[in-house]
Amino acid sequence: MRNGVLDLAFFTYHEAMSCLFAVCIFGLLAVSHVVHIPGLGRYDFLLLGCLIMQVILYKTGLETKDEVKVIGVFHLLGLALELYKVHMGSWAYPEPALTKIAGVPLYSGFMYASVASYVCQAWRRLDMNLAYYPKWWLALPVAAAGYLNFFTHPYIGDYRWWILLAVLAVFWRTQILFTVRGRVRKMPLVLGFFLVGLFVYFAENIATFYGAWQYPDQARGWHFVHPEKISSWFMLIIVEGILVAQLKRVKANLTHEEASRGKGISS
């Protein structure tokens, strides 16, 4: 019983610390909802706050240089998706700001990057690894299809359910291995994707409540986001999870090759 409580406390602490950047964004949203700085638009304040938090997290060692690079990549991927979705009228950012491009505030990319930050942090803190991970030529096309579906579904149809079936087929054996107080535990990767997607859906409701963005049906007042959005977040988590896992595997292989060359030289 005592060991179970300690394991849960250990796991909860590291999961909470892995969410630190996302929690900071929620904090900034809450503050900007009630505090208005003259001459500084709300979205500009959020961008400035996100940049400052990234610097703090890096300088204090809570994020590594590689994690900052990954966050930057996902910021750009998220911003590209935002530009398209806002253009299509899927949602909007109605408040004025200096740091808006085609109706999209630059801070918005950090909301996607915060999910990548969570994945990277949890990976490092819980010493994660993947068992029975498929070949890259199976994994990467699934991620690409999931991301492209956000752009193509208005023109050729929404194939998310087919893509999710492909995810199940490709990753049905894959397990997440994570370490809790020296003991290795495991979870099906697809279940992990779903749980994170569900968590992000709940976070989305908080974010829209504080006006992070606005869906068309929320123009007259806030209400809960339709549960069908869970599948969209599930899809996005799959994309981010696969890409981060692939980057981690590439990094591990490079490190192993460098170590092998070092042994060869020393011998």
C-alpha atoms as a PDB file:
ATOM      1  CA  MET A   1       0.000   0.000   0.000  1.00  0.00           C
ATOM      2  CA  ARG A   2       2.748   2.448   1.019  1.00  0.00           C
ATOM      3  CA  ASN A   3       4.784   1.661  -2.102  1.00  0.00           C
ATOM      4  CA  GLY A   4       1.701   2.210  -4.251  1.00  0.00           C
ATOM      5  CA  VAL A   5       1.108   5.648  -2.722  1.00  0.00           C
ATOM      6  CA  LEU A   6       4.769   6.597  -3.182  1.00  0.00           C
ATOM      7  CA  ASP A   7       4.708   5.400  -6.805  1.00  0.00           C
ATOM      8  CA  LEU A   8       1.585   7.450  -7.479  1.00  0.00           C
ATOM      9  CA  ALA A   9       3.113  10.523  -5.818  1.00  0.00           C
ATOM     10  CA  PHE A  10       6.326  10.119  -7.856  1.00  0.00           C
ATOM     11  CA  PHE A  11       4.420   9.688 -11.110  1.00  0.00           C
ATOM     12  CA  THR A  12       2.040  12.593 -10.395  1.00  0.00           C
ATOM     13  CA  TYR A  13       4.902  14.933  -9.517  1.00  0.00           C
ATOM     14  CA  HIS A  14       6.835  14.237 -12.714  1.00  0.00           C
ATOM     15  CA  GLU A  15       3.706  14.406 -14.852  1.00  0.00           C
ATOM     16  CA  ALA A  16       2.885  17.788 -13.286  1.00  0.00           C
ATOM     17  CA  MET A  17       6.428  19.056 -13.880  1.00  0.00           C
ATOM     18  CA  SER A  18       6.213  17.842 -17.478  1.00  0.00           C
ATOM     19  CA  CYS A  19       3.124  20.043 -17.918  1.00  0.00           C
ATOM     20  CA  LEU A  20       4.923  23.116 -16.562  1.00  0.00           C
ATOM     21  CA  PHE A  21       5.035  25.075 -19.817  1.00  0.00           C
ATOM     22  CA  ALA A  22       1.358  24.339 -20.532  1.00  0.00           C
ATOM     23  CA  VAL A  23       0.436  25.414 -16.987  1.00  0.00           C
ATOM     24  CA  CYS A  24       2.381  28.656 -17.518  1.00  0.00           C
ATOM     25  CA  ILE A  25       0.343  29.342 -20.665  1.00  0.00           C
ATOM     26  CA  PHE A  26      -2.902  28.794 -18.750  1.00  0.00           C
ATOM     27  CA  GLY A  27      -1.627  31.139 -16.062  1.00  0.00           C
ATOM     28  CA  LEU A  28      -0.877  33.802 -18.663  1.00  0.00           C
ATOM     29  CA  LEU A  29      -4.330  33.328 -20.185  1.00  0.00           C
ATOM     30  CA  ALA A  30      -5.986  33.738 -16.792  1.00  0.00           C
ATOM     31  CA  VAL A  31      -3.955  36.847 -15.926  1.00  0.00           C
ATOM     32  CA  SER A  32      -4.503  38.460 -19.332  1.00  0.00           C
ATOM     33  CA  HIS A  33      -8.234  37.787 -18.998  1.00  0.00           C
ATOM     34  CA  VAL A  34      -8.517  40.182 -16.043  1.00  0.00           C
ATOM     35  CA  VAL A  35      -5.415  42.409 -16.323  1.00  0.00           C
ATOM     36  CA  HIS A  36      -5.079  44.797 -19.251  1.00  0.00           C
ATOM     37  CA  ILE A  37      -1.808  46.656 -19.842  1.00  0.00           C
ATOM     38  CA  PRO A  38      -2.286  49.978 -21.682  1.00  0.00           C
ATOM     39  CA  GLY A  39      -0.606  49.956 -25.076  1.00  0.00           C
ATOM     40  CA  LEU A  40      -0.003  46.193 -25.027  1.00  0.00           C
ATOM     41  CA  GLY A  41      -2.518  43.941 -26.752  1.00  0.00           C
ATOM     42  CA  ARG A  42      -3.534  40.739 -25.009  1.00  0.00           C
ATOM     43  CA  TYR A  43      -2.105  38.460 -27.690  1.00  0.00           C
ATOM     44  CA  ASP A  44       1.134  40.463 -27.667  1.00  0.00           C
ATOM     45  CA  PHE A  45       1.314  40.027 -23.891  1.00  0.00           C
ATOM     46  CA  LEU A  46       0.817  36.275 -24.285  1.00  0.00           C
ATOM     47  CA  LEU A  47       3.589  36.016 -26.877  1.00  0.00           C
ATOM     48  CA  LEU A  48       5.964  37.993 -24.665  1.00  0.00           C
ATOM     49  CA  GLY A  49       5.046  35.842 -21.665  1.00  0.00           C
ATOM     50  CA  CYS A  50       5.595  32.581 -23.593  1.00  0.00           C
ATOM     51  CA  LEU A  51       9.012  33.737 -24.801  1.00  0.00           C
ATOM     52  CA  ILE A  52      10.051  34.780 -21.287  1.00  0.00           C
ATOM     53  CA  MET A  53       8.879  31.450 -19.855  1.00  0.00           C
ATOM     54  CA  GLN A  54      10.880  29.552 -22.473  1.00  0.00           C
ATOM     55  CA  VAL A  55      14.008  31.481 -21.546  1.00  0.00           C
ATOM     56  CA  ILE A  56      13.411  30.823 -17.836  1.00  0.00           C
ATOM     57  CA  LEU A  57      12.772  27.103 -18.352  1.00  0.00           C
ATOM     58  CA  TYR A  58      15.945  26.769 -20.423  1.00  0.00           C
ATOM     59  CA  LYS A  59      18.174  28.879 -18.169  1.00  0.00           C
ATOM     60  CA  THR A  60      17.042  26.990 -15.054  1.00  0.00           C
ATOM     61  CA  GLY A  61      17.717  23.626 -16.711  1.00  0.00           C
ATOM     62  CA  LEU A  62      14.069  22.548 -16.663  1.00  0.00           C
ATOM     63  CA  GLU A  63      14.274  22.275 -20.449  1.00  0.00           C
ATOM     64  CA  THR A  64      17.262  21.123 -22.454  1.00  0.00           C
ATOM     65  CA  LYS A  65      18.588  22.657 -25.666  1.00  0.00           C
ATOM     66  CA  ASP A  66      17.214  19.727 -27.687  1.00  0.00           C
ATOM     67  CA  GLU A  67      13.767  20.179 -26.120  1.00  0.00           C
ATOM     68  CA  VAL A  68      13.784  23.877 -27.009  1.00  0.00           C
ATOM     69  CA  LYS A  69      14.583  22.914 -30.619  1.00  0.00           C
ATOM     70  CA  VAL A  70      11.672  20.456 -30.691  1.00  0.00           C
ATOM     71  CA  ILE A  71       9.353  23.106 -29.231  1.00  0.00           C
ATOM     72  CA  GLY A  72      10.459  25.510 -31.980  1.00  0.00           C
ATOM     73  CA  VAL A  73       9.668  22.963 -34.700  1.00  0.00           C
ATOM     74  CA  PHE A  74       6.193  22.284 -33.315  1.00  0.00           C
ATOM     75  CA  HIS A  75       5.564  26.009 -32.892  1.00  0.00           C
ATOM     76  CA  LEU A  76       6.057  26.393 -36.652  1.00  0.00           C
ATOM     77  CA  LEU A  77       3.932  23.332 -37.474  1.00  0.00           C
ATOM     78  CA  GLY A  78       1.177  24.616 -35.194  1.00  0.00           C
ATOM     79  CA  LEU A  79       1.358  28.113 -36.633  1.00  0.00           C
ATOM     80  CA  ALA A  80       0.981  26.738 -40.174  1.00  0.00           C
ATOM     81  CA  LEU A  81      -2.117  24.836 -39.085  1.00  0.00           C
ATOM     82  CA  GLU A  82      -3.498  27.934 -37.354  1.00  0.00           C
ATOM     83  CA  LEU A  83      -3.025  30.088 -40.458  1.00  0.00           C
ATOM     84  CA  TYR A  84      -4.975  27.583 -42.519  1.00  0.00           C
ATOM     85  CA  LYS A  85      -7.755  26.941 -40.011  1.00  0.00           C
ATOM     86  CA  VAL A  86      -8.362  30.629 -39.296  1.00  0.00           C
ATOM     87  CA  HIS A  87      -8.419  31.306 -43.031  1.00  0.00           C
ATOM     88  CA  MET A  88     -11.058  28.563 -43.411  1.00  0.00           C
ATOM     89  CA  GLY A  89     -13.149  30.037 -40.572  1.00  0.00           C
ATOM     90  CA  SER A  90     -12.774  27.079 -38.201  1.00  0.00           C
ATOM     91  CA  TRP A  91     -12.035  29.464 -35.323  1.00  0.00           C
ATOM     92  CA  ALA A  92     -10.895  33.053 -34.835  1.00  0.00           C
ATOM     93  CA  TYR A  93      -8.782  35.399 -32.736  1.00  0.00           C
ATOM     94  CA  PRO A  94     -11.028  38.481 -32.560  1.00  0.00           C
ATOM     95  CA  GLU A  95      -8.832  40.773 -30.446  1.00  0.00           C
ATOM     96  CA  PRO A  96      -6.378  43.246 -32.025  1.00  0.00           C
ATOM     97  CA  ALA A  97      -2.615  42.696 -31.755  1.00  0.00           C
ATOM     98  CA  LEU A  98       0.628  43.827 -33.332  1.00  0.00           C
ATOM     99  CA  THR A  99       1.902  40.260 -33.507  1.00  0.00           C
ATOM    100  CA  LYS A 100      -0.810  38.846 -35.769  1.00  0.00           C
ATOM    101  CA  ILE A 101      -0.263  37.427 -39.238  1.00  0.00           C
ATOM    102  CA  ALA A 102      -3.351  36.879 -41.407  1.00  0.00           C
ATOM    103  CA  GLY A 103      -5.533  36.987 -38.296  1.00  0.00           C
ATOM    104  CA  VAL A 104      -3.359  34.557 -36.320  1.00  0.00           C
ATOM    105  CA  PRO A 105      -1.400  35.742 -33.258  1.00  0.00           C
ATOM    106  CA  LEU A 106       2.122  34.357 -33.090  1.00  0.00           C
ATOM    107  CA  TYR A 107       1.614  33.127 -29.534  1.00  0.00           C
ATOM    108  CA  SER A 108      -0.827  30.483 -30.807  1.00  0.00           C
ATOM    109  CA  GLY A 109       1.998  28.234 -32.019  1.00  0.00           C
ATOM    110  CA  PHE A 110       3.156  27.874 -28.425  1.00  0.00           C
ATOM    111  CA  MET A 111      -0.077  26.071 -27.538  1.00  0.00           C
ATOM    112  CA  TYR A 112       0.921  23.264 -29.885  1.00  0.00           C
ATOM    113  CA  ALA A 113       4.517  23.500 -28.723  1.00  0.00           C
ATOM    114  CA  SER A 114       3.382  23.077 -25.102  1.00  0.00           C
ATOM    115  CA  VAL A 115       2.098  19.599 -25.970  1.00  0.00           C
ATOM    116  CA  ALA A 116       5.467  18.728 -27.516  1.00  0.00           C
ATOM    117  CA  SER A 117       7.115  20.162 -24.386  1.00  0.00           C
ATOM    118  CA  TYR A 118       5.032  17.793 -22.248  1.00  0.00           C
ATOM    119  CA  VAL A 119       5.996  14.771 -24.367  1.00  0.00           C
ATOM    120  CA  CYS A 120       9.716  15.663 -24.253  1.00  0.00           C
ATOM    121  CA  GLN A 121       9.687  16.373 -20.522  1.00  0.00           C
ATOM    122  CA  ALA A 122       7.762  13.214 -19.631  1.00  0.00           C
ATOM    123  CA  TRP A 123      10.093  11.191 -21.859  1.00  0.00           C
ATOM    124  CA  ARG A 124      13.154  12.443 -19.995  1.00  0.00           C
ATOM    125  CA  ARG A 125      11.742  12.544 -16.466  1.00  0.00           C
ATOM    126  CA  LEU A 126      10.224   9.059 -16.594  1.00  0.00           C
ATOM    127  CA  ASP A 127      13.065   7.564 -18.636  1.00  0.00           C
ATOM    128  CA  MET A 128      10.659   6.517 -21.374  1.00  0.00           C
ATOM    129  CA  ASN A 129      11.346   4.070 -24.147  1.00  0.00           C
ATOM    130  CA  LEU A 130       9.256   2.229 -26.706  1.00  0.00           C
ATOM    131  CA  ALA A 131       9.000  -1.505 -27.187  1.00  0.00           C
ATOM    132  CA  TYR A 132       7.967  -3.032 -30.526  1.00  0.00           C
ATOM    133  CA  TYR A 133       8.154   0.354 -32.253  1.00  0.00           C
ATOM    134  CA  PRO A 134       7.488  -0.007 -36.012  1.00  0.00           C
ATOM    135  CA  LYS A 135       9.931   0.882 -38.781  1.00  0.00           C
ATOM    136  CA  TRP A 136      10.157   4.559 -39.688  1.00  0.00           C
ATOM    137  CA  TRP A 137       8.661   3.900 -43.132  1.00  0.00           C
ATOM    138  CA  LEU A 138       5.475   2.759 -41.382  1.00  0.00           C
ATOM    139  CA  ALA A 139       5.391   5.321 -38.549  1.00  0.00           C
ATOM    140  CA  LEU A 140       6.202   8.545 -40.415  1.00  0.00           C
ATOM    141  CA  PRO A 141       3.580   8.158 -43.205  1.00  0.00           C
ATOM    142  CA  VAL A 142       0.901   7.747 -40.499  1.00  0.00           C
ATOM    143  CA  ALA A 143       2.053  10.976 -38.829  1.00  0.00           C
ATOM    144  CA  ALA A 144       2.178  12.793 -42.176  1.00  0.00           C
ATOM    145  CA  ALA A 145      -1.303  11.576 -43.101  1.00  0.00           C
ATOM    146  CA  GLY A 146      -2.692  12.753 -39.755  1.00  0.00           C
ATOM    147  CA  TYR A 147      -1.198  16.227 -40.141  1.00  0.00           C
ATOM    148  CA  LEU A 148      -2.176  16.623 -43.805  1.00  0.00           C
ATOM    149  CA  ASN A 149      -5.747  15.518 -43.083  1.00  0.00           C
ATOM    150  CA  PHE A 150      -6.261  18.777 -41.138  1.00  0.00           C
ATOM    151  CA  PHE A 151      -5.564  20.633 -44.390  1.00  0.00           C
ATOM    152  CA  THR A 152      -7.152  18.377 -47.012  1.00  0.00           C
ATOM    153  CA  HIS A 153     -10.445  17.283 -45.447  1.00  0.00           C
ATOM    154  CA  PRO A 154     -12.478  20.254 -46.811  1.00  0.00           C
ATOM    155  CA  TYR A 155     -11.481  19.219 -50.339  1.00  0.00           C
ATOM    156  CA  ILE A 156     -11.158  15.436 -50.450  1.00  0.00           C
ATOM    157  CA  GLY A 157     -13.067  14.388 -47.327  1.00  0.00           C
ATOM    158  CA  ASP A 158     -12.198  13.677 -43.714  1.00  0.00           C
ATOM    159  CA  TYR A 159     -10.228  10.447 -43.425  1.00  0.00           C
ATOM    160  CA  ARG A 160      -9.363  10.685 -39.744  1.00  0.00           C
ATOM    161  CA  TRP A 161     -11.125   7.429 -38.851  1.00  0.00           C
ATOM    162  CA  TRP A 162      -9.225   5.565 -41.561  1.00  0.00           C
ATOM    163  CA  ILE A 163      -6.013   7.129 -40.306  1.00  0.00           C
ATOM    164  CA  LEU A 164      -6.858   6.107 -36.735  1.00  0.00           C
ATOM    165  CA  LEU A 165      -7.413   2.557 -37.959  1.00  0.00           C
ATOM    166  CA  ALA A 166      -3.992   2.737 -39.596  1.00  0.00           C
ATOM    167  CA  VAL A 167      -2.553   3.893 -36.248  1.00  0.00           C
ATOM    168  CA  LEU A 168      -4.089   0.885 -34.530  1.00  0.00           C
ATOM    169  CA  ALA A 169      -2.717  -1.439 -37.214  1.00  0.00           C
ATOM    170  CA  VAL A 170       0.803   0.020 -37.138  1.00  0.00           C
ATOM    171  CA  PHE A 171       1.147   0.533 -33.375  1.00  0.00           C
ATOM    172  CA  TRP A 172      -1.013  -2.259 -31.933  1.00  0.00           C
ATOM    173  CA  ARG A 173       2.031  -3.976 -30.355  1.00  0.00           C
ATOM    174  CA  THR A 174       3.924  -0.825 -29.333  1.00  0.00           C
ATOM    175  CA  GLN A 175       4.293  -0.258 -25.601  1.00  0.00           C
ATOM    176  CA  ILE A 176       5.456   2.829 -23.709  1.00  0.00           C
ATOM    177  CA  LEU A 177       8.032   1.804 -21.114  1.00  0.00           C
ATOM    178  CA  PHE A 178       8.450   4.269 -18.237  1.00  0.00           C
ATOM    179  CA  THR A 179      10.279   4.100 -14.936  1.00  0.00           C
ATOM    180  CA  VAL A 180       8.670   4.867 -11.578  1.00  0.00           C
ATOM    181  CA  ARG A 181      11.016   4.731  -8.594  1.00  0.00           C
ATOM    182  CA  GLY A 182      13.336   2.252 -10.286  1.00  0.00           C
ATOM    183  CA  ARG A 183      10.580  -0.039 -11.570  1.00  0.00           C
ATOM    184  CA  VAL A 184       9.791  -0.236 -15.273  1.00  0.00           C
ATOM    185  CA  ARG A 185       6.088  -0.090 -16.116  1.00  0.00           C
ATOM    186  CA  LYS A 186       4.344  -0.192 -19.462  1.00  0.00           C
ATOM    187  CA  MET A 187       1.271   1.081 -21.256  1.00  0.00           C
ATOM    188  CA  PRO A 188      -0.025   0.571 -24.817  1.00  0.00           C
ATOM    189  CA  LEU A 189       1.133   3.530 -26.901  1.00  0.00           C
ATOM    190  CA  VAL A 190      -2.294   4.049 -28.496  1.00  0.00           C
ATOM    191  CA  LEU A 191      -3.880   4.261 -25.026  1.00  0.00           C
ATOM    192  CA  GLY A 192      -1.261   6.867 -24.091  1.00  0.00           C
ATOM    193  CA  PHE A 193      -2.153   8.881 -27.215  1.00  0.00           C
ATOM    194  CA  PHE A 194      -5.846   8.787 -26.293  1.00  0.00           C
ATOM    195  CA  LEU A 195      -5.328   9.794 -22.658  1.00  0.00           C
ATOM    196  CA  VAL A 196      -3.182  12.793 -23.604  1.00  0.00           C
ATOM    197  CA  GLY A 197      -5.700  13.773 -26.304  1.00  0.00           C
ATOM    198  CA  LEU A 198      -8.513  13.612 -23.734  1.00  0.00           C
ATOM    199  CA  PHE A 199      -6.506  15.768 -21.323  1.00  0.00           C
ATOM    200  CA  VAL A 200      -5.847  18.330 -24.076  1.00  0.00           C
ATOM    201  CA  TYR A 201      -9.588  18.448 -24.840  1.00  0.00           C
ATOM    202  CA  PHE A 202     -10.316  19.404 -21.226  1.00  0.00           C
ATOM    203  CA  ALA A 203      -7.505  21.959 -21.425  1.00  0.00           C
ATOM    204  CA  GLU A 204      -9.068  23.347 -24.601  1.00  0.00           C
ATOM    205  CA  ASN A 205     -12.280  24.093 -22.723  1.00  0.00           C
ATOM    206  CA  ILE A 206     -10.307  26.070 -20.141  1.00  0.00           C
ATOM    207  CA  ALA A 207      -8.380  27.894 -22.886  1.00  0.00           C
ATOM    208  CA  THR A 208     -11.518  28.932 -24.785  1.00  0.00           C
ATOM    209  CA  PHE A 209     -13.151  30.013 -21.519  1.00  0.00           C
ATOM    210  CA  TYR A 210     -10.264  32.455 -21.070  1.00  0.00           C
ATOM    211  CA  GLY A 211     -10.526  33.573 -24.699  1.00  0.00           C
ATOM    212  CA  ALA A 212      -7.402  31.938 -26.116  1.00  0.00           C
ATOM    213  CA  TRP A 213      -9.400  31.583 -29.344  1.00  0.00           C
ATOM    214  CA  GLN A 214     -13.068  31.465 -30.298  1.00  0.00           C
ATOM    215  CA  TYR A 215     -15.114  28.935 -32.229  1.00  0.00           C
ATOM    216  CA  PRO A 216     -17.922  30.332 -34.418  1.00  0.00           C
ATOM    217  CA  ASP A 217     -20.623  28.920 -32.120  1.00  0.00           C
ATOM    218  CA  GLN A 218     -19.007  30.637 -29.114  1.00  0.00           C
ATOM    219  CA  ALA A 219     -19.365  34.149 -30.553  1.00  0.00           C
ATOM    220  CA  ARG A 220     -22.445  34.864 -28.414  1.00  0.00           C
ATOM    221  CA  GLY A 221     -21.044  33.309 -25.276  1.00  0.00           C
ATOM    222  CA  TRP A 222     -18.759  30.558 -24.062  1.00  0.00           C
ATOM    223  CA  HIS A 223     -19.889  26.962 -23.760  1.00  0.00           C
ATOM    224  CA  PHE A 224     -18.177  23.590 -23.722  1.00  0.00           C
ATOM    225  CA  VAL A 225     -16.393  22.582 -26.899  1.00  0.00           C
ATOM    226  CA  HIS A 226     -18.152  19.767 -28.748  1.00  0.00           C
ATOM    227  CA  PRO A 227     -16.766  16.334 -27.721  1.00  0.00           C
ATOM    228  CA  GLU A 228     -16.055  15.504 -31.375  1.00  0.00           C
ATOM    229  CA  LYS A 229     -12.938  17.665 -30.954  1.00  0.00           C
ATOM    230  CA  ILE A 230     -11.449  14.844 -28.878  1.00  0.00           C
ATOM    231  CA  SER A 231     -10.773  12.947 -32.120  1.00  0.00           C
ATOM    232  CA  SER A 232      -8.984  16.012 -33.540  1.00  0.00           C
ATOM    233  CA  TRP A 233      -6.738  16.279 -30.493  1.00  0.00           C
ATOM    234  CA  PHE A 234      -6.179  12.527 -30.539  1.00  0.00           C
ATOM    235  CA  MET A 235      -5.003  12.901 -34.126  1.00  0.00           C
ATOM    236  CA  LEU A 236      -2.718  15.805 -33.251  1.00  0.00           C
ATOM    237  CA  ILE A 237      -1.189  13.913 -30.307  1.00  0.00           C
ATOM    238  CA  ILE A 238      -0.501  10.992 -32.629  1.00  0.00           C
ATOM    239  CA  VAL A 239       1.344  13.330 -35.006  1.00  0.00           C
ATOM    240  CA  GLU A 240       3.379  14.978 -32.236  1.00  0.00           C
ATOM    241  CA  GLY A 241       4.009  11.708 -30.383  1.00  0.00           C
ATOM    242  CA  ILE A 242       5.277   9.888 -33.477  1.00  0.00           C
ATOM    243  CA  LEU A 243       7.546  12.766 -34.515  1.00  0.00           C
ATOM    244  CA  VAL A 244       9.018  13.167 -31.022  1.00  0.00           C
ATOM    245  CA  ALA A 245       9.532   9.389 -30.735  1.00  0.00           C
ATOM    246  CA  GLN A 246      11.251   9.349 -34.115  1.00  0.00           C
ATOM    247  CA  LEU A 247      13.524  12.250 -33.133  1.00  0.00           C
ATOM    248  CA  LYS A 248      14.391  10.500 -29.863  1.00  0.00           C
ATOM    249  CA  ARG A 249      15.288   7.309 -31.707  1.00  0.00           C
ATOM    250  CA  VAL A 250      17.458   9.201 -34.205  1.00  0.00           C
ATOM    251  CA  LYS A 251      19.211  10.981 -31.313  1.00  0.00           C
ATOM    252  CA  ALA A 252      19.774   7.666 -29.493  1.00  0.00           C
ATOM    253  CA  ASN A 253      21.212   6.041 -32.636  1.00  0.00           C
ATOM    254  CA  LEU A 254      23.585   8.968 -33.231  1.00  0.00           C
ATOM    255  CA  THR A 255      24.736   8.849 -29.607  1.00  0.00           C
ATOM    256  CA  HIS A 256      25.318   5.100 -29.870  1.00  0.00           C
ATOM    257  CA  GLU A 257      27.313   5.526 -33.098  1.00  0.00           C
ATOM    258  CA  GLU A 258      29.460   8.281 -31.551  1.00  0.00           C
ATOM    259  CA  ALA A 259      30.132   6.089 -28.502  1.00  0.00           C
ATOM    260  CA  SER A 260      31.081   3.169 -30.747  1.00  0.00           C
ATOM    261  CA  ARG A 261      33.484   5.322 -32.748  1.00  0.00           C
ATOM    262  CA  GLY A 262      34.995   6.619 -29.502  1.00  0.00           C
ATOM    263  CA  LYS A 263      35.656   3.053 -28.298  1.00  0.00           C
ATOM    264  CA  GLY A 264      37.223   2.211 -31.645  1.00  0.00           C
ATOM    265  CA  ILE A 265      39.599   5.155 -31.429  1.00  0.00           C
ATOM    266  CA  SER A 266      40.606   4.437 -27.828  1.00  0.00           C
ATOM    267  CA  SER A 267      41.323   0.812 -28.610  1.00  0.00           C
END
